[in-house]
Amino acid sequence: MSAFIVSQKTVNRIIDFIAWVSNKDPFMLRILNNAGYKLPDDVMKLGQDMIRLNYGAVNERYSEEEVPEKFQRIRNMPVSNIQTVKSLQCYLYQCTEGEQFENSKLYQGLRRLEEHLLNEIITSLPAYEKAVWG
């Protein structure tokens, strides 16, 4: 598997969606609170920690010691659920090198966020509404 450093734009897409929706979705807010982030106050910390986790995985994969760049907040809103899921899946995939991600509260929280968003997308589809319960 290859790994790369995701762009600041990717991280910002994810964070913009989280910041926008967290006030409307208490479950999402609880996921991030359990991972150690109080929004909206911890947006910059969340962004920097996401970059640090990604750099850690890439450094481990390629036996490098690159220093994580500083997170730069760039507001891209609004982004859709689907774009957020795709950006989040890209980000999470790039963080799965080594063992650090398995124990990371941030990684686990973002994985739960991905599951939550996928569930919201699926249950909003007309085909889901038409499907038989049971």
Protein backbone atom coordinates (compact mmCIF):
# COMPACT_ATOMS: atom_id res chain seq x y z
CA MET A 1 0.00 0.00 0.00
CA SER A 2 1.20 3.52 -0.69
CA ALA A 3 0.40 6.48 1.52
CA PHE A 4 0.57 10.22 1.02
CA ILE A 5 0.08 13.46 2.90
CA VAL A 6 -3.45 14.68 2.24
CA SER A 7 -3.92 18.29 1.25
CA GLN A 8 -4.93 21.05 3.62
CA LYS A 9 -8.04 21.40 1.46
CA THR A 10 -9.05 17.80 2.26
CA VAL A 11 -8.62 18.34 5.99
CA ASN A 12 -10.53 21.62 5.77
CA ARG A 13 -13.42 20.00 3.90
CA ILE A 14 -13.82 17.50 6.72
CA ILE A 15 -13.48 20.13 9.43
CA ASP A 16 -15.85 22.56 7.72
CA PHE A 17 -18.53 19.91 7.56
CA ILE A 18 -17.96 18.89 11.17
CA ALA A 19 -18.10 22.51 12.36
CA TRP A 20 -21.23 23.21 10.30
CA VAL A 21 -23.16 20.09 11.30
CA SER A 22 -22.00 19.61 14.89
CA ASN A 23 -24.45 22.24 16.16
CA LYS A 24 -27.32 20.37 14.47
CA ASP A 25 -26.27 16.80 15.20
CA PRO A 26 -25.70 15.97 18.88
CA PHE A 27 -24.50 12.44 18.03
CA MET A 28 -21.69 13.82 15.87
CA LEU A 29 -20.77 16.29 18.60
CA ARG A 30 -20.64 13.44 21.14
CA ILE A 31 -18.36 11.40 18.85
CA LEU A 32 -15.86 14.25 18.73
CA ASN A 33 -16.22 15.04 22.44
CA ASN A 34 -15.37 11.40 23.21
CA ALA A 35 -12.28 11.77 21.02
CA GLY A 36 -11.23 14.79 23.11
CA TYR A 37 -12.45 17.72 20.99
CA LYS A 38 -14.89 20.39 22.13
CA LEU A 39 -16.31 22.17 19.14
CA PRO A 40 -16.27 24.84 17.94
CA ASP A 41 -13.39 25.83 20.24
CA ASP A 42 -11.08 22.96 19.25
CA VAL A 43 -11.32 23.31 15.45
CA MET A 44 -7.66 24.36 15.08
CA LYS A 45 -6.50 21.60 17.45
CA LEU A 46 -8.55 19.05 15.50
CA GLY A 47 -7.02 20.19 12.20
CA GLN A 48 -3.47 20.09 13.55
CA ASP A 49 -4.01 16.67 15.12
CA MET A 50 -5.41 15.34 11.84
CA ILE A 51 -2.31 16.56 10.00
CA ARG A 52 -0.05 15.10 12.70
CA LEU A 53 -1.75 11.68 12.47
CA ASN A 54 -1.42 11.64 8.67
CA TYR A 55 2.26 12.63 8.80
CA GLY A 56 2.89 9.96 11.43
CA ALA A 57 1.44 7.25 9.20
CA VAL A 58 3.36 8.38 6.11
CA ASN A 59 6.59 8.75 8.09
CA GLU A 60 6.18 5.24 9.45
CA ARG A 61 5.39 3.82 6.01
CA TYR A 62 8.46 5.33 4.37
CA SER A 63 10.80 5.43 7.41
CA GLU A 64 10.93 9.21 7.25
CA GLU A 65 10.92 11.93 9.88
CA GLU A 66 9.06 14.73 8.10
CA VAL A 67 7.77 17.41 10.45
CA PRO A 68 4.01 17.99 10.15
CA GLU A 69 3.09 21.26 8.51
CA LYS A 70 1.03 23.78 10.42
CA PHE A 71 -2.73 23.50 9.92
CA GLN A 72 -4.15 26.42 7.99
CA ARG A 73 -7.86 27.04 8.38
CA ILE A 74 -9.44 27.66 4.98
CA ARG A 75 -13.22 27.74 4.97
CA ASN A 76 -14.68 25.83 2.00
CA MET A 77 -18.26 25.45 3.15
CA PRO A 78 -20.68 24.19 2.28
CA VAL A 79 -19.72 20.65 1.35
CA SER A 80 -22.15 17.79 0.93
CA ASN A 81 -22.39 14.66 3.05
CA ILE A 82 -21.11 12.66 0.09
CA GLN A 83 -18.06 14.89 -0.49
CA THR A 84 -17.32 14.79 3.22
CA VAL A 85 -17.48 10.98 3.29
CA LYS A 86 -15.18 10.70 0.27
CA SER A 87 -12.68 13.19 1.73
CA LEU A 88 -12.88 11.42 5.09
CA GLN A 89 -12.33 7.99 3.51
CA CYS A 90 -9.30 9.30 1.62
CA TYR A 91 -7.91 10.82 4.80
CA LEU A 92 -8.53 7.71 6.92
CA TYR A 93 -6.95 5.43 4.31
CA GLN A 94 -3.80 7.57 4.31
CA CYS A 95 -3.56 7.19 8.11
CA THR A 96 -3.61 3.39 8.28
CA GLU A 97 0.12 2.75 8.13
CA GLY A 98 1.84 1.42 11.21
CA GLU A 99 0.19 0.87 14.55
CA GLN A 100 -0.40 4.43 15.74
CA PHE A 101 -3.84 4.75 14.17
CA GLU A 102 -5.25 1.68 15.94
CA ASN A 103 -4.94 3.33 19.35
CA SER A 104 -5.74 6.87 18.26
CA LYS A 105 -8.93 8.34 19.73
CA LEU A 106 -8.92 10.77 16.82
CA TYR A 107 -8.76 8.00 14.23
CA GLN A 108 -11.46 5.98 15.98
CA GLY A 109 -13.69 9.04 16.32
CA LEU A 110 -13.32 9.93 12.64
CA ARG A 111 -14.07 6.31 11.70
CA ARG A 112 -17.29 6.50 13.78
CA LEU A 113 -18.11 9.80 12.09
CA GLU A 114 -17.70 8.11 8.70
CA GLU A 115 -20.09 5.32 9.75
CA HIS A 116 -22.61 7.88 11.00
CA LEU A 117 -22.51 9.87 7.75
CA LEU A 118 -22.80 6.73 5.62
CA ASN A 119 -25.85 5.70 7.63
CA GLU A 120 -27.43 9.14 7.13
CA ILE A 121 -26.79 9.02 3.39
CA ILE A 122 -28.20 5.51 2.99
CA THR A 123 -31.32 6.11 5.09
CA SER A 124 -32.12 9.28 3.12
CA LEU A 125 -32.23 7.41 -0.22
CA PRO A 126 -35.65 6.77 -1.82
CA ALA A 127 -34.66 3.11 -2.35
CA TYR A 128 -34.14 2.77 1.39
CA GLU A 129 -37.57 4.26 2.07
CA LYS A 130 -39.15 1.79 -0.38
CA ALA A 131 -37.34 -1.24 1.04
CA VAL A 132 -39.31 -3.58 3.32
CA TRP A 133 -38.55 -3.40 7.05
CA GLY A 134 -37.89 -6.90 8.32
